[in-house]
Structures are given as C-alpha cells and as structure tokens.
C-alpha cells in the first residue's frame, strides 16, 4: 500500500513539474517579444499579428484598421533632458495607448519613436475616435 501511495505522489509531482515548465516556457516565449521599455509588443511580432488579422478580416468580412503613431520631438527631449526623460515619455505614451485600447487591439512599438496599433473588427470611425481620445 505504501508503494502505491509513493508512486501516486511521484506522478502528481511530475505532473505539477511539467505544468510549471509549460507555464514558464509560455511566459518566456511571450517576454521574448515584449519591448522591455514600453511593455508593448516589439516589431518582431508585427508581421505575425497583421497577417493573422488580415486573414481573419478577409475570412469573416470584418474591418481591420492600423494606426501609425510617430512621437514628435523625442530627439529634442533626449537632447535637452537626457535619454532617461525620453524613455519616461515613451513609457507614458505606451501606457496611454494600452489603457485606451480595447482588449483585442494590439499595440506594437515599431521603432525608436514609432508605435503601431492593430485594431481588428473596428468600424471606419474607430481610429478617428481613438486618436481623438488619446
């Protein structure tokens, strides 16, 4: 009887271990594509997201919108106040973009001062309303 109980404990521990490994792997995989400064996805995921959303929009006859955001005068902020202040500006912009986005929208940091927001299933007026809100 003790041997059977020991075996059950061993199996349960191994199952827990493998579940933990899977969770850690998924978390690590997600973090590989997150811009550490802004918390947005980085440009390596852009093509994957856009291709997937274009296919979905075509299949279901839904709209898909992209907003390209270029932060003005970031170079001047970096020059005048330093890169730490410029980084703070980028973090705040990303926070606003994420905060004002819907759950299905995908904010991506494209480059130094550029962001792209992928907006699946968005009405024609959606991007205009979003940019006015932001």
C-alpha atoms as a PDB file:
ATOM      1  CA  UNK A   1       0.000   0.000   0.000  1.00  0.00           C
ATOM      2  CA  UNK A   2       2.810   2.433   0.800  1.00  0.00           C
ATOM      3  CA  UNK A   3       4.449   1.750  -2.548  1.00  0.00           C
ATOM      4  CA  UNK A   4       1.249   2.679  -4.419  1.00  0.00           C
ATOM      5  CA  UNK A   5       0.873   5.904  -2.436  1.00  0.00           C
ATOM      6  CA  UNK A   6       4.546   6.728  -3.063  1.00  0.00           C
ATOM      7  CA  UNK A   7       4.035   6.146  -6.794  1.00  0.00           C
ATOM      8  CA  UNK A   8       0.929   8.404  -6.860  1.00  0.00           C
ATOM      9  CA  UNK A   9       2.836  11.193  -5.119  1.00  0.00           C
ATOM     10  CA  UNK A  10       5.706  10.820  -7.574  1.00  0.00           C
ATOM     11  CA  UNK A  11       3.341  11.006 -10.569  1.00  0.00           C
ATOM     12  CA  UNK A  12       1.479  14.036  -9.156  1.00  0.00           C
ATOM     13  CA  UNK A  13       4.781  15.806  -8.507  1.00  0.00           C
ATOM     14  CA  UNK A  14       5.951  15.113 -12.057  1.00  0.00           C
ATOM     15  CA  UNK A  15       2.670  16.376 -13.500  1.00  0.00           C
ATOM     16  CA  UNK A  16       2.969  19.568 -11.419  1.00  0.00           C
ATOM     17  CA  UNK A  17       6.566  19.949 -12.533  1.00  0.00           C
ATOM     18  CA  UNK A  18       5.698  19.614 -16.231  1.00  0.00           C
ATOM     19  CA  UNK A  19       2.790  22.057 -15.880  1.00  0.00           C
ATOM     20  CA  UNK A  20       5.199  24.534 -14.283  1.00  0.00           C
ATOM     21  CA  UNK A  21       7.712  24.047 -17.102  1.00  0.00           C
ATOM     22  CA  UNK A  22       4.988  24.655 -19.711  1.00  0.00           C
ATOM     23  CA  UNK A  23       3.825  27.830 -17.937  1.00  0.00           C
ATOM     24  CA  UNK A  24       7.379  29.124 -17.646  1.00  0.00           C
ATOM     25  CA  UNK A  25       8.043  28.391 -21.305  1.00  0.00           C
ATOM     26  CA  UNK A  26       4.880  30.221 -22.395  1.00  0.00           C
ATOM     27  CA  UNK A  27       5.796  33.180 -20.183  1.00  0.00           C
ATOM     28  CA  UNK A  28       9.369  33.254 -21.506  1.00  0.00           C
ATOM     29  CA  UNK A  29       8.144  32.990 -25.092  1.00  0.00           C
ATOM     30  CA  UNK A  30       5.797  35.937 -24.585  1.00  0.00           C
ATOM     31  CA  UNK A  31       8.511  38.031 -22.955  1.00  0.00           C
ATOM     32  CA  UNK A  32      10.848  37.476 -25.906  1.00  0.00           C
ATOM     33  CA  UNK A  33       8.559  39.658 -27.998  1.00  0.00           C
ATOM     34  CA  UNK A  34       7.775  42.384 -25.466  1.00  0.00           C
ATOM     35  CA  UNK A  35       9.614  45.680 -25.655  1.00  0.00           C
ATOM     36  CA  UNK A  36      11.103  45.974 -22.169  1.00  0.00           C
ATOM     37  CA  UNK A  37      10.883  49.770 -22.107  1.00  0.00           C
ATOM     38  CA  UNK A  38       7.230  50.183 -23.073  1.00  0.00           C
ATOM     39  CA  UNK A  39       5.601  46.832 -22.352  1.00  0.00           C
ATOM     40  CA  UNK A  40       4.183  46.776 -25.906  1.00  0.00           C
ATOM     41  CA  UNK A  41       4.902  44.012 -28.357  1.00  0.00           C
ATOM     42  CA  UNK A  42       8.028  44.700 -30.376  1.00  0.00           C
ATOM     43  CA  UNK A  43       8.251  44.760 -34.149  1.00  0.00           C
ATOM     44  CA  UNK A  44       9.248  41.091 -34.429  1.00  0.00           C
ATOM     45  CA  UNK A  45       5.581  40.150 -33.841  1.00  0.00           C
ATOM     46  CA  UNK A  46       4.121  42.767 -36.189  1.00  0.00           C
ATOM     47  CA  UNK A  47       4.059  40.646 -39.352  1.00  0.00           C
ATOM     48  CA  UNK A  48       2.603  37.672 -37.492  1.00  0.00           C
ATOM     49  CA  UNK A  49      -0.188  39.749 -35.935  1.00  0.00           C
ATOM     50  CA  UNK A  50      -1.023  41.627 -39.112  1.00  0.00           C
ATOM     51  CA  UNK A  51      -1.040  38.524 -41.285  1.00  0.00           C
ATOM     52  CA  UNK A  52      -3.284  36.707 -38.805  1.00  0.00           C
ATOM     53  CA  UNK A  53      -5.667  39.664 -38.514  1.00  0.00           C
ATOM     54  CA  UNK A  54      -5.795  40.252 -42.287  1.00  0.00           C
ATOM     55  CA  UNK A  55      -6.691  36.586 -42.814  1.00  0.00           C
ATOM     56  CA  UNK A  56      -9.350  36.791 -40.110  1.00  0.00           C
ATOM     57  CA  UNK A  57     -10.781  40.039 -41.512  1.00  0.00           C
ATOM     58  CA  UNK A  58     -10.990  38.553 -45.013  1.00  0.00           C
ATOM     59  CA  UNK A  59     -12.494  35.285 -43.800  1.00  0.00           C
ATOM     60  CA  UNK A  60     -15.224  36.893 -41.681  1.00  0.00           C
ATOM     61  CA  UNK A  61     -15.630  40.076 -43.776  1.00  0.00           C
ATOM     62  CA  UNK A  62     -14.638  42.285 -40.834  1.00  0.00           C
ATOM     63  CA  UNK A  63     -12.751  45.535 -40.918  1.00  0.00           C
ATOM     64  CA  UNK A  64      -9.143  45.871 -39.816  1.00  0.00           C
ATOM     65  CA  UNK A  65      -7.503  49.194 -39.024  1.00  0.00           C
ATOM     66  CA  UNK A  66      -3.918  50.178 -38.346  1.00  0.00           C
ATOM     67  CA  UNK A  67      -2.866  53.393 -36.676  1.00  0.00           C
ATOM     68  CA  UNK A  68       0.729  54.503 -37.101  1.00  0.00           C
ATOM     69  CA  UNK A  69       1.888  56.829 -34.333  1.00  0.00           C
ATOM     70  CA  UNK A  70       5.052  58.861 -34.664  1.00  0.00           C
ATOM     71  CA  UNK A  71       6.102  60.685 -31.490  1.00  0.00           C
ATOM     72  CA  UNK A  72       7.134  64.225 -32.399  1.00  0.00           C
ATOM     73  CA  UNK A  73      10.209  65.891 -30.898  1.00  0.00           C
ATOM     74  CA  UNK A  74      11.501  62.863 -28.988  1.00  0.00           C
ATOM     75  CA  UNK A  75      15.014  63.554 -30.238  1.00  0.00           C
ATOM     76  CA  UNK A  76      14.818  67.077 -28.801  1.00  0.00           C
ATOM     77  CA  UNK A  77      13.593  65.706 -25.455  1.00  0.00           C
ATOM     78  CA  UNK A  78      16.523  63.270 -25.396  1.00  0.00           C
ATOM     79  CA  UNK A  79      18.995  66.034 -26.273  1.00  0.00           C
ATOM     80  CA  UNK A  80      17.629  68.633 -23.847  1.00  0.00           C
ATOM     81  CA  UNK A  81      16.636  66.455 -20.872  1.00  0.00           C
ATOM     82  CA  UNK A  82      18.508  63.200 -21.431  1.00  0.00           C
ATOM     83  CA  UNK A  83      17.564  59.710 -22.554  1.00  0.00           C
ATOM     84  CA  UNK A  84      16.055  58.770 -19.197  1.00  0.00           C
ATOM     85  CA  UNK A  85      13.452  61.502 -19.666  1.00  0.00           C
ATOM     86  CA  UNK A  86      12.896  60.352 -23.269  1.00  0.00           C
ATOM     87  CA  UNK A  87      12.384  56.794 -22.002  1.00  0.00           C
ATOM     88  CA  UNK A  88       9.872  58.108 -19.471  1.00  0.00           C
ATOM     89  CA  UNK A  89       7.973  59.842 -22.290  1.00  0.00           C
ATOM     90  CA  UNK A  90       7.858  56.597 -24.292  1.00  0.00           C
ATOM     91  CA  UNK A  91       6.637  54.625 -21.259  1.00  0.00           C
ATOM     92  CA  UNK A  92       3.856  57.152 -20.634  1.00  0.00           C
ATOM     93  CA  UNK A  93       2.788  57.129 -24.286  1.00  0.00           C
ATOM     94  CA  UNK A  94       2.707  53.330 -24.298  1.00  0.00           C
ATOM     95  CA  UNK A  95       0.676  53.321 -21.090  1.00  0.00           C
ATOM     96  CA  UNK A  96      -1.895  55.643 -22.675  1.00  0.00           C
ATOM     97  CA  UNK A  97      -2.007  53.551 -25.858  1.00  0.00           C
ATOM     98  CA  UNK A  98      -2.572  50.356 -23.885  1.00  0.00           C
ATOM     99  CA  UNK A  99      -5.024  51.999 -21.497  1.00  0.00           C
ATOM    100  CA  UNK A 100      -7.194  53.467 -24.240  1.00  0.00           C
ATOM    101  CA  UNK A 101      -7.134  50.321 -26.390  1.00  0.00           C
ATOM    102  CA  UNK A 102      -9.658  47.554 -26.382  1.00  0.00           C
ATOM    103  CA  UNK A 103      -8.649  44.101 -25.220  1.00  0.00           C
ATOM    104  CA  UNK A 104      -8.397  42.890 -28.828  1.00  0.00           C
ATOM    105  CA  UNK A 105      -6.225  45.789 -30.031  1.00  0.00           C
ATOM    106  CA  UNK A 106      -2.508  45.114 -30.370  1.00  0.00           C
ATOM    107  CA  UNK A 107      -0.078  47.942 -29.501  1.00  0.00           C
ATOM    108  CA  UNK A 108       3.361  47.456 -31.049  1.00  0.00           C
ATOM    109  CA  UNK A 109       6.494  49.523 -30.648  1.00  0.00           C
ATOM    110  CA  UNK A 110       7.796  49.726 -34.173  1.00  0.00           C
ATOM    111  CA  UNK A 111      10.950  51.736 -33.643  1.00  0.00           C
ATOM    112  CA  UNK A 112      12.559  54.413 -31.503  1.00  0.00           C
ATOM    113  CA  UNK A 113       9.634  56.820 -31.529  1.00  0.00           C
ATOM    114  CA  UNK A 114       7.076  54.913 -33.577  1.00  0.00           C
ATOM    115  CA  UNK A 115       4.140  52.790 -32.491  1.00  0.00           C
ATOM    116  CA  UNK A 116       1.550  50.855 -34.471  1.00  0.00           C
ATOM    117  CA  UNK A 117      -1.850  49.913 -33.144  1.00  0.00           C
ATOM    118  CA  UNK A 118      -3.537  46.956 -34.839  1.00  0.00           C
ATOM    119  CA  UNK A 119      -7.307  47.289 -34.407  1.00  0.00           C
ATOM    120  CA  UNK A 120      -9.276  44.219 -35.517  1.00  0.00           C
ATOM    121  CA  UNK A 121     -13.035  44.415 -36.095  1.00  0.00           C
ATOM    122  CA  UNK A 122     -13.062  48.197 -35.999  1.00  0.00           C
ATOM    123  CA  UNK A 123     -15.633  50.427 -37.657  1.00  0.00           C
ATOM    124  CA  UNK A 124     -14.426  53.059 -40.099  1.00  0.00           C
ATOM    125  CA  UNK A 125     -14.843  55.738 -37.443  1.00  0.00           C
ATOM    126  CA  UNK A 126     -12.907  53.743 -34.809  1.00  0.00           C
ATOM    127  CA  UNK A 127      -9.372  55.012 -35.488  1.00  0.00           C
ATOM    128  CA  UNK A 128     -10.522  58.638 -35.607  1.00  0.00           C
ATOM    129  CA  UNK A 129     -12.380  58.280 -32.302  1.00  0.00           C
ATOM    130  CA  UNK A 130      -9.355  56.546 -30.767  1.00  0.00           C
ATOM    131  CA  UNK A 131      -6.885  59.236 -31.850  1.00  0.00           C
ATOM    132  CA  UNK A 132      -9.188  61.980 -30.606  1.00  0.00           C
ATOM    133  CA  UNK A 133      -9.452  60.227 -27.245  1.00  0.00           C
ATOM    134  CA  UNK A 134      -5.696  59.803 -26.986  1.00  0.00           C
END
